[in-house]
Amino acid sequence: MVDIRLKNSKTRRVEVLDPIVPGKVSMYVCGPTVYDRAHIGNARSAVVFDQLFRLLRHVYGKDNVTFVRNFTDVDDKINARAAEEGREIADLTAETALWYLDDTRALGVLDPTHMPRATGYIAEMVAFIEDLIAKGFAYARDGHVLFRVRSFEDYGKLSGRSVDDMIAGARVEVAPYKEDPMDFVLWKPSADDIPGWESPWGRGRPGWHIECSAMAHAILGEQFDIHGGGADLMFPHHENEVAQSCAAGHKFANIWMHNEMLQVEGKKMSKSLGNFFTVRDLLDSGVPGEVIRMVFLGTHYGKPMDWTEKKRAEAEKTLRKWYGLAEAGDAVPKAVVAALADDLNTHQALAEMHKLDGAELGASLSVMGLWSGAVPEWAQEDGVDLSAFVECLSDAREKAMQSKDFSVVDALKTALTAAGIEVRMSKEGVELLPGPDFDPSKLEGL
């Protein structure tokens, strides 16, 4: 079996994945807070961990990989959006969760094994919090329950920070119900007009961090193999997950993985800069989901990614070419698997695929989530039969080989290239591949 090596954020080292249960892998990834469309930064995380999911399934078998990605459907942002739009909160979260699934599926993202919603695990969260209070790691005050950060001596090790440095360098909420400014909320009271559940501390709702700890424990148990998410979640979200789960006596995650952030044309994505867009914005503007995914996979997950128009065009051109060469197949070449097994090096995997064609290319496209076995409609030749042009160019080349006059061949190549067609000639013959700028009208009269 192939050894999969992954960068563990907790140890800052690349480590061999050694499943807790031999032959079976468990993974939890923090999912979206469902109040709006997923932007492309959200989508990068979805694609990165979907690619890991696909690799794990390829190596260990589909039935031996359990992947959990949650929906946070109780949150103050959700409450504010529902109030702003005059909608029921449940309707808003149900609609937005479906949007997320529709948009990510368009990028080739497989549905995880489990997709729990926070509101379905309130009882587990309450029990989790009661246990932390009983063990002295949490306390109740004024309808709130808070985690005592200084009671957990390893706090800050995941993100590499000390508690004192965090207080000095960050804004922390100072509230009368806190023993210490760094203590974080596990439970908070709810007004009558927002969601709330009865608890030993009164009607209220969970804090954000306790949700993932409770759901991961309920579905995967006290210890699992991989925990993932965006680098922006390392602190405070993941740091707080580690603290409360380990304080409760759970071993929690063995390997932590974090994908880096996304920029647009070299700048941070921001509504104020006018470079903020959602996955749906791209899809509706005509950018195929496979192309979006291809751009994401072109950069290693551990490096910041820059979305550019140039990368989009290059990805589309490459995919059109590959779809013309690929055939259905199951045997993924060792070089492609080895690249993915080397800390999910998707950039190297794509580089290896440039050497392939036929069934090997088809199998590789499939494991990369870029092909379902049929050429996508957007990549088809728009009904234009290029066989006559292939025959014409082949005849012209054959005559030129005898006469040594290649002027007709050059003229045909120039005209075809001007129409947006890549011309490939080899000893096997002539191949014409329509590119993203293919314009059939320019072939008229040729």
Protein backbone atom coordinates (compact mmCIF):
# COMPACT_ATOMS: atom_id res chain seq x y z
CA MET A 1 0.00 0.00 0.00
CA VAL A 2 1.18 3.53 -0.81
CA ASP A 3 2.48 5.57 2.14
CA ILE A 4 0.68 8.90 2.31
CA ARG A 5 2.75 11.70 3.87
CA LEU A 6 1.03 14.82 5.17
CA LYS A 7 2.21 18.07 6.78
CA ASN A 8 0.99 18.04 10.36
CA SER A 9 0.31 21.59 11.53
CA LYS A 10 0.58 20.43 15.13
CA THR A 11 4.17 19.14 14.83
CA ARG A 12 5.25 21.32 11.84
CA ARG A 13 6.55 18.13 10.21
CA VAL A 14 5.57 15.98 7.25
CA GLU A 15 4.48 12.64 8.70
CA VAL A 16 3.41 9.28 7.32
CA LEU A 17 -0.32 8.71 7.78
CA ASP A 18 -0.59 5.73 10.13
CA PRO A 19 -4.32 5.06 10.58
CA ILE A 20 -5.56 4.44 14.11
CA VAL A 21 -7.56 1.50 12.77
CA PRO A 22 -5.31 -0.29 10.25
CA GLY A 23 -6.68 -0.02 6.75
CA LYS A 24 -9.32 2.58 7.65
CA VAL A 25 -9.05 6.38 7.71
CA SER A 26 -11.24 8.95 9.49
CA MET A 27 -11.26 12.67 8.69
CA TYR A 28 -13.13 15.72 9.98
CA VAL A 29 -13.12 19.06 8.14
CA CYS A 30 -14.75 22.25 9.33
CA GLY A 31 -17.53 23.14 6.92
CA PRO A 32 -19.42 26.36 6.13
CA THR A 33 -21.54 28.64 8.26
CA VAL A 34 -24.65 28.70 6.10
CA TYR A 35 -25.92 32.25 5.68
CA ASP A 36 -24.67 33.18 2.18
CA ARG A 37 -23.10 31.85 -1.01
CA ALA A 38 -19.66 30.25 -0.75
CA HIS A 39 -16.91 32.53 -2.06
CA ILE A 40 -13.92 31.10 -3.89
CA GLY A 41 -11.82 31.15 -0.72
CA ASN A 42 -14.35 28.82 0.91
CA ALA A 43 -14.29 26.71 -2.23
CA ARG A 44 -10.54 26.23 -2.10
CA SER A 45 -10.81 24.43 1.23
CA ALA A 46 -13.66 22.29 -0.11
CA VAL A 47 -11.60 21.27 -3.16
CA VAL A 48 -8.38 20.64 -1.18
CA PHE A 49 -9.99 18.23 1.26
CA ASP A 50 -12.11 16.64 -1.45
CA GLN A 51 -8.84 15.88 -3.25
CA LEU A 52 -7.47 14.30 -0.09
CA PHE A 53 -10.73 12.33 0.28
CA ARG A 54 -10.33 11.06 -3.31
CA LEU A 55 -6.72 10.04 -2.68
CA LEU A 56 -7.64 8.21 0.53
CA ARG A 57 -10.46 6.36 -1.26
CA HIS A 58 -8.09 5.41 -4.07
CA VAL A 59 -5.47 4.03 -1.67
CA TYR A 60 -7.66 2.50 1.06
CA GLY A 61 -10.90 1.78 -0.82
CA LYS A 62 -14.14 3.75 -0.79
CA ASP A 63 -15.68 1.78 2.07
CA ASN A 64 -12.66 2.32 4.32
CA VAL A 65 -12.67 6.12 4.47
CA THR A 66 -15.04 8.12 6.70
CA PHE A 67 -15.17 11.83 5.95
CA VAL A 68 -17.18 14.25 8.11
CA ARG A 69 -17.79 17.87 7.07
CA ASN A 70 -20.27 19.85 9.14
CA PHE A 71 -22.73 22.65 8.54
CA THR A 72 -22.79 25.39 11.19
CA ASP A 73 -26.46 26.34 11.17
CA VAL A 74 -26.63 28.24 14.48
CA ASP A 75 -24.59 31.44 14.51
CA ASP A 76 -25.01 35.16 15.10
CA LYS A 77 -24.29 35.91 11.42
CA ILE A 78 -27.16 33.64 10.47
CA ASN A 79 -29.45 35.37 12.97
CA ALA A 80 -28.50 38.79 11.61
CA ARG A 81 -29.03 37.79 7.96
CA ALA A 82 -32.42 36.23 8.70
CA ALA A 83 -33.54 39.38 10.55
CA GLU A 84 -32.27 41.57 7.72
CA GLU A 85 -34.23 39.58 5.13
CA GLY A 86 -37.26 38.99 7.32
CA ARG A 87 -36.98 35.22 6.95
CA GLU A 88 -37.24 32.20 9.17
CA ILE A 89 -33.77 31.07 10.25
CA ALA A 90 -34.45 27.43 9.38
CA ASP A 91 -35.49 28.40 5.84
CA LEU A 92 -32.36 30.51 5.36
CA THR A 93 -29.97 27.80 6.55
CA ALA A 94 -31.72 25.05 4.55
CA GLU A 95 -31.53 27.10 1.35
CA THR A 96 -27.93 28.18 1.89
CA ALA A 97 -26.77 24.63 2.68
CA LEU A 98 -28.26 23.48 -0.64
CA TRP A 99 -26.51 26.35 -2.41
CA TYR A 100 -23.22 25.21 -0.92
CA LEU A 101 -23.74 21.64 -2.07
CA ASP A 102 -24.82 22.69 -5.57
CA ASP A 103 -21.83 25.01 -5.99
CA THR A 104 -19.21 22.62 -4.62
CA ARG A 105 -20.60 19.66 -6.55
CA ALA A 106 -20.13 21.77 -9.69
CA LEU A 107 -16.42 21.82 -8.76
CA GLY A 108 -16.29 18.03 -8.61
CA VAL A 109 -16.49 17.92 -4.81
CA LEU A 110 -17.91 14.61 -3.58
CA ASP A 111 -20.43 14.57 -0.77
CA PRO A 112 -18.70 13.53 2.49
CA THR A 113 -19.72 10.38 4.31
CA HIS A 114 -21.48 12.49 6.96
CA MET A 115 -22.70 16.10 6.82
CA PRO A 116 -23.96 16.84 10.35
CA ARG A 117 -25.74 20.09 11.20
CA ALA A 118 -24.91 21.73 14.50
CA THR A 119 -28.56 22.04 15.48
CA GLY A 120 -28.84 18.25 15.38
CA TYR A 121 -26.21 17.83 18.12
CA ILE A 122 -27.27 20.28 20.82
CA ALA A 123 -27.79 17.51 23.40
CA GLU A 124 -24.25 16.22 22.77
CA MET A 125 -22.87 19.75 23.18
CA VAL A 126 -24.69 20.25 26.49
CA ALA A 127 -23.35 16.93 27.80
CA PHE A 128 -19.84 17.85 26.62
CA ILE A 129 -20.01 21.19 28.45
CA GLU A 130 -21.34 19.58 31.64
CA ASP A 131 -18.36 17.22 31.59
CA LEU A 132 -15.91 20.13 31.25
CA ILE A 133 -17.53 21.92 34.19
CA ALA A 134 -17.34 18.76 36.31
CA LYS A 135 -13.63 18.44 35.52
CA GLY A 136 -12.92 22.07 36.44
CA PHE A 137 -12.09 23.25 32.92
CA ALA A 138 -15.22 25.36 32.52
CA TYR A 139 -17.50 27.51 34.68
CA ALA A 140 -21.01 28.93 34.46
CA ARG A 141 -21.80 32.58 35.11
CA ASP A 142 -24.71 34.85 34.17
CA GLY A 143 -26.24 32.34 31.77
CA HIS A 144 -22.89 31.81 30.06
CA VAL A 145 -20.49 28.89 30.27
CA LEU A 146 -16.83 29.60 29.58
CA PHE A 147 -13.70 27.51 29.13
CA ARG A 148 -10.84 28.30 31.52
CA VAL A 149 -8.00 28.73 29.04
CA ARG A 150 -5.26 28.85 31.68
CA SER A 151 -6.45 25.55 33.13
CA PHE A 152 -5.28 23.80 29.96
CA GLU A 153 -1.48 23.99 29.98
CA ASP A 154 -1.02 23.09 26.29
CA TYR A 155 -3.18 25.97 25.07
CA GLY A 156 -1.51 27.69 22.11
CA LYS A 157 0.67 24.78 20.96
CA LEU A 158 -1.28 24.18 17.74
CA SER A 159 -0.99 27.80 16.60
CA GLY A 160 2.41 28.34 18.21
CA ARG A 161 1.35 31.17 20.52
CA SER A 162 1.53 31.79 24.25
CA VAL A 163 -1.51 32.99 26.18
CA ASP A 164 0.23 36.16 27.34
CA ASP A 165 1.33 37.02 23.80
CA MET A 166 -2.22 36.46 22.58
CA ILE A 167 -3.60 38.87 25.15
CA ALA A 168 -0.96 41.48 24.33
CA GLY A 169 -1.30 41.19 20.55
CA ALA A 170 -4.99 40.62 19.97
CA ARG A 171 -8.30 42.14 20.80
CA VAL A 172 -10.09 39.99 23.35
CA GLU A 173 -13.53 40.49 24.74
CA VAL A 174 -13.51 41.80 28.29
CA ALA A 175 -16.80 40.86 29.90
CA PRO A 176 -17.95 40.84 33.54
CA TYR A 177 -18.83 37.16 33.37
CA LYS A 178 -15.24 36.18 32.42
CA GLU A 179 -12.63 35.12 34.98
CA ASP A 180 -9.91 35.82 32.41
CA PRO A 181 -10.02 37.80 29.13
CA MET A 182 -8.83 34.74 27.17
CA ASP A 183 -11.64 32.45 28.36
CA PHE A 184 -13.95 31.55 25.48
CA VAL A 185 -17.67 30.89 25.35
CA LEU A 186 -19.07 27.38 25.32
CA TRP A 187 -22.70 28.40 25.88
CA LYS A 188 -24.50 31.75 25.84
CA PRO A 189 -28.04 32.95 26.59
CA SER A 190 -30.56 33.50 23.80
CA ALA A 191 -33.19 36.22 23.56
CA ASP A 192 -36.73 35.17 22.70
CA ASP A 193 -36.38 36.14 19.03
CA ILE A 194 -33.33 33.98 18.23
CA PRO A 195 -32.76 30.22 18.40
CA GLY A 196 -32.32 28.75 21.84
CA TRP A 197 -32.45 25.44 23.67
CA GLU A 198 -33.12 24.62 27.30
CA SER A 199 -30.00 23.77 29.29
CA PRO A 200 -28.81 23.61 32.93
CA TRP A 201 -27.74 27.26 32.48
CA GLY A 202 -31.00 28.53 31.03
CA ARG A 203 -32.29 28.93 27.50
CA GLY A 204 -29.37 29.53 25.18
CA ARG A 205 -27.24 28.35 22.28
CA PRO A 206 -23.75 26.89 21.85
CA GLY A 207 -20.60 28.83 21.16
CA TRP A 208 -19.00 28.16 17.80
CA HIS A 209 -16.01 26.12 18.96
CA ILE A 210 -17.88 23.48 20.93
CA GLU A 211 -19.90 22.47 17.88
CA CYS A 212 -17.09 20.71 16.00
CA SER A 213 -15.68 19.01 19.09
CA ALA A 214 -19.08 17.55 19.94
CA MET A 215 -19.91 16.46 16.39
CA ALA A 216 -16.47 14.94 15.76
CA HIS A 217 -16.69 13.00 19.03
CA ALA A 218 -20.25 11.82 18.36
CA ILE A 219 -19.46 10.52 14.86
CA LEU A 220 -15.76 9.58 14.90
CA GLY A 221 -15.15 8.83 18.57
CA GLU A 222 -12.44 9.95 20.96
CA GLN A 223 -9.66 9.85 18.39
CA PHE A 224 -9.53 10.14 14.60
CA ASP A 225 -6.85 10.44 11.95
CA ILE A 226 -7.10 13.85 10.25
CA HIS A 227 -8.65 17.22 11.07
CA GLY A 228 -8.64 19.88 8.36
CA GLY A 229 -9.68 23.40 7.52
CA GLY A 230 -8.48 26.77 6.30
CA ALA A 231 -5.41 28.40 7.86
CA ASP A 232 -7.65 31.17 9.18
CA LEU A 233 -9.28 28.59 11.49
CA MET A 234 -6.08 27.55 13.26
CA PHE A 235 -6.64 30.28 15.82
CA PRO A 236 -8.90 30.57 17.65
CA HIS A 237 -11.27 27.90 16.33
CA HIS A 238 -8.99 24.90 16.09
CA GLU A 239 -6.92 25.93 19.09
CA ASN A 240 -10.10 26.01 21.15
CA GLU A 241 -11.27 22.68 19.75
CA VAL A 242 -8.00 21.08 20.89
CA ALA A 243 -8.29 22.61 24.36
CA GLN A 244 -11.86 21.58 25.08
CA SER A 245 -11.59 18.10 23.52
CA CYS A 246 -8.30 17.19 25.17
CA ALA A 247 -9.48 18.66 28.49
CA ALA A 248 -12.47 16.32 28.24
CA GLY A 249 -10.05 13.41 27.96
CA HIS A 250 -10.30 12.82 24.20
CA LYS A 251 -7.16 12.19 22.15
CA PHE A 252 -8.86 14.00 19.25
CA ALA A 253 -7.02 14.40 15.91
CA ASN A 254 -3.65 12.83 15.10
CA ILE A 255 -2.85 15.02 12.08
CA TRP A 256 -3.95 18.62 11.57
CA MET A 257 -3.97 20.06 8.05
CA HIS A 258 -4.55 23.66 6.99
CA ASN A 259 -4.88 25.07 3.49
CA GLU A 260 -3.56 28.56 2.88
CA MET A 261 -5.63 31.52 1.77
CA LEU A 262 -6.60 32.77 -1.67
CA GLN A 263 -5.88 36.04 -3.46
CA VAL A 264 -7.26 37.53 -6.67
CA GLU A 265 -4.78 38.96 -9.18
CA GLY A 266 -2.19 39.35 -6.42
CA LYS A 267 -4.46 41.13 -3.94
CA LYS A 268 -6.44 40.00 -0.93
CA MET A 269 -10.02 39.26 -1.92
CA SER A 270 -12.21 42.10 -0.64
CA LYS A 271 -15.58 43.59 -1.48
CA SER A 272 -14.04 47.06 -1.11
CA LEU A 273 -11.50 46.23 -3.84
CA GLY A 274 -14.19 44.89 -6.15
CA ASN A 275 -12.41 41.53 -6.48
CA PHE A 276 -14.71 39.51 -4.25
CA PHE A 277 -16.75 36.85 -5.99
CA THR A 278 -18.55 33.66 -5.17
CA VAL A 279 -18.38 30.27 -6.84
CA ARG A 280 -21.82 30.97 -8.29
CA ASP A 281 -20.58 34.26 -9.76
CA LEU A 282 -17.89 32.36 -11.67
CA LEU A 283 -20.19 29.55 -12.78
CA ASP A 284 -22.87 31.98 -13.97
CA SER A 285 -20.26 33.98 -15.89
CA GLY A 286 -19.43 30.87 -17.90
CA VAL A 287 -16.35 29.55 -16.09
CA PRO A 288 -16.76 25.74 -15.96
CA GLY A 289 -16.49 24.03 -12.59
CA GLU A 290 -13.69 21.78 -13.86
CA VAL A 291 -11.68 24.87 -14.80
CA ILE A 292 -12.13 26.41 -11.34
CA ARG A 293 -10.99 23.17 -9.74
CA MET A 294 -8.02 22.91 -12.10
CA VAL A 295 -6.84 26.40 -11.12
CA PHE A 296 -7.10 25.52 -7.43
CA LEU A 297 -5.15 22.27 -7.89
CA GLY A 298 -2.37 24.09 -9.72
CA THR A 299 -1.05 25.46 -6.41
CA HIS A 300 -0.01 23.32 -3.43
CA TYR A 301 -2.59 23.59 -0.66
CA GLY A 302 0.03 24.80 1.82
CA LYS A 303 0.87 27.87 -0.27
CA PRO A 304 -1.22 31.01 -0.84
CA MET A 305 -3.11 30.72 -4.13
CA ASP A 306 -3.58 33.54 -6.62
CA TRP A 307 -6.67 33.38 -8.84
CA THR A 308 -5.88 35.10 -12.15
CA GLU A 309 -7.52 35.33 -15.54
CA LYS A 310 -4.33 33.95 -17.09
CA LYS A 311 -4.51 30.82 -14.94
CA ARG A 312 -8.17 30.37 -15.82
CA ALA A 313 -7.46 30.55 -19.56
CA GLU A 314 -4.50 28.17 -19.30
CA ALA A 315 -6.52 25.67 -17.24
CA GLU A 316 -9.34 25.70 -19.78
CA LYS A 317 -6.95 25.21 -22.69
CA THR A 318 -5.21 22.28 -20.96
CA LEU A 319 -8.47 20.58 -20.05
CA ARG A 320 -9.81 20.87 -23.59
CA LYS A 321 -6.64 19.19 -24.84
CA TRP A 322 -6.75 16.46 -22.20
CA TYR A 323 -10.41 15.67 -22.84
CA GLY A 324 -9.48 15.12 -26.48
CA LEU A 325 -6.78 12.62 -25.49
CA ALA A 326 -8.35 10.82 -22.52
CA GLU A 327 -10.04 7.45 -22.51
CA ALA A 328 -11.86 5.67 -19.69
CA GLY A 329 -9.52 3.85 -17.32
CA ASP A 330 -9.05 2.81 -13.70
CA ALA A 331 -5.28 2.37 -13.38
CA VAL A 332 -3.86 5.68 -12.15
CA PRO A 333 -0.12 5.86 -13.02
CA LYS A 334 2.24 5.45 -10.07
CA ALA A 335 3.83 8.85 -10.68
CA VAL A 336 0.48 10.64 -10.25
CA VAL A 337 -0.38 8.71 -7.07
CA ALA A 338 3.13 9.29 -5.71
CA ALA A 339 2.78 13.05 -6.23
CA LEU A 340 -0.57 13.13 -4.42
CA ALA A 341 0.78 10.91 -1.64
CA ASP A 342 3.62 13.41 -1.14
CA ASP A 343 1.68 15.87 1.04
CA LEU A 344 -1.06 16.20 -1.58
CA ASN A 345 1.24 17.71 -4.21
CA THR A 346 -1.46 18.43 -6.78
CA HIS A 347 0.84 20.73 -8.75
CA GLN A 348 3.26 17.86 -9.36
CA ALA A 349 0.39 15.47 -10.15
CA LEU A 350 -0.81 17.81 -12.89
CA ALA A 351 2.74 18.08 -14.22
CA GLU A 352 2.91 14.28 -14.48
CA MET A 353 -0.39 14.24 -16.36
CA HIS A 354 1.09 16.30 -19.20
CA LYS A 355 3.08 13.16 -20.09
CA LEU A 356 -0.04 10.97 -20.41
CA ASP A 357 -2.82 10.15 -22.83
CA GLY A 358 -5.45 7.46 -23.28
CA ALA A 359 -6.65 5.41 -20.33
CA GLU A 360 -3.84 6.57 -18.03
CA LEU A 361 -4.84 10.19 -18.56
CA GLY A 362 -8.52 9.35 -18.10
CA ALA A 363 -7.85 7.55 -14.81
CA SER A 364 -5.71 10.46 -13.60
CA LEU A 365 -8.34 13.04 -14.53
CA SER A 366 -10.88 10.98 -12.62
CA VAL A 367 -8.83 10.73 -9.39
CA MET A 368 -8.22 14.49 -9.63
CA GLY A 369 -11.98 15.13 -9.78
CA LEU A 370 -11.70 16.64 -13.26
CA TRP A 371 -13.52 14.03 -15.36
CA SER A 372 -16.52 11.77 -14.98
CA GLY A 373 -15.74 9.72 -18.08
CA ALA A 374 -17.52 11.91 -20.63
CA VAL A 375 -16.30 15.13 -22.21
CA PRO A 376 -18.18 18.03 -20.55
CA GLU A 377 -20.53 19.90 -22.85
CA TRP A 378 -18.50 23.11 -22.58
CA ALA A 379 -15.40 21.32 -23.88
CA GLN A 380 -17.05 19.76 -26.90
CA GLU A 381 -16.42 21.09 -30.39
CA ASP A 382 -19.77 22.91 -30.71
CA GLY A 383 -20.85 20.47 -33.41
CA VAL A 384 -18.06 21.48 -35.85
CA ASP A 385 -16.56 18.54 -37.71
CA LEU A 386 -12.83 19.17 -38.09
CA SER A 387 -12.09 15.92 -39.92
CA ALA A 388 -12.03 17.66 -43.32
CA PHE A 389 -9.41 20.09 -42.04
CA VAL A 390 -7.36 17.23 -40.62
CA GLU A 391 -7.47 15.48 -44.01
CA CYS A 392 -6.60 18.68 -45.88
CA LEU A 393 -3.63 19.47 -43.65
CA SER A 394 -2.44 15.85 -43.78
CA ASP A 395 -2.51 15.89 -47.59
CA ALA A 396 -0.71 19.24 -47.73
CA ARG A 397 1.97 17.99 -45.38
CA GLU A 398 2.50 14.81 -47.38
CA LYS A 399 2.96 16.82 -50.59
CA ALA A 400 5.27 19.26 -48.82
CA MET A 401 7.47 16.44 -47.61
CA GLN A 402 8.07 15.54 -51.26
CA SER A 403 8.33 19.06 -52.73
CA LYS A 404 10.05 20.64 -49.71
CA ASP A 405 7.66 23.57 -50.13
CA PHE A 406 5.79 24.02 -46.83
CA SER A 407 4.09 27.31 -47.70
CA VAL A 408 0.63 25.73 -48.00
CA VAL A 409 1.09 23.85 -44.71
CA ASP A 410 2.19 27.03 -42.97
CA ALA A 411 -0.77 28.98 -44.39
CA LEU A 412 -3.24 26.33 -43.20
CA LYS A 413 -1.64 26.21 -39.73
CA THR A 414 -1.80 30.00 -39.45
CA ALA A 415 -5.48 30.07 -40.42
CA LEU A 416 -6.39 27.26 -38.02
CA THR A 417 -4.45 28.88 -35.17
CA ALA A 418 -6.21 32.19 -35.86
CA ALA A 419 -9.52 30.34 -35.44
CA GLY A 420 -8.44 29.24 -31.95
CA ILE A 421 -7.33 25.71 -32.84
CA GLU A 422 -4.15 24.12 -31.54
CA VAL A 423 -2.42 22.26 -34.38
CA ARG A 424 -0.43 19.19 -33.40
CA MET A 425 1.55 17.28 -36.02
CA SER A 426 3.64 14.18 -35.38
CA LYS A 427 4.64 11.00 -37.14
CA GLU A 428 1.33 9.52 -35.99
CA GLY A 429 -0.61 12.16 -37.90
CA VAL A 430 -2.38 15.50 -37.53
CA GLU A 431 -4.51 16.46 -34.53
CA LEU A 432 -6.63 19.61 -34.22
CA LEU A 433 -7.69 20.69 -30.72
CA PRO A 434 -10.17 23.58 -30.31
CA GLY A 435 -9.02 25.95 -27.56
CA PRO A 436 -11.04 28.26 -25.27
CA ASP A 437 -11.02 30.98 -27.99
CA PHE A 438 -12.21 28.67 -30.78
CA ASP A 439 -14.31 30.59 -33.34
CA PRO A 440 -15.90 28.31 -36.00
CA SER A 441 -16.84 31.32 -38.14
CA LYS A 442 -13.16 31.90 -38.90
CA LEU A 443 -13.03 28.52 -40.65
CA GLU A 444 -15.55 29.58 -43.29
CA GLY A 445 -13.99 29.69 -46.75
CA LEU A 446 -10.79 28.01 -45.57
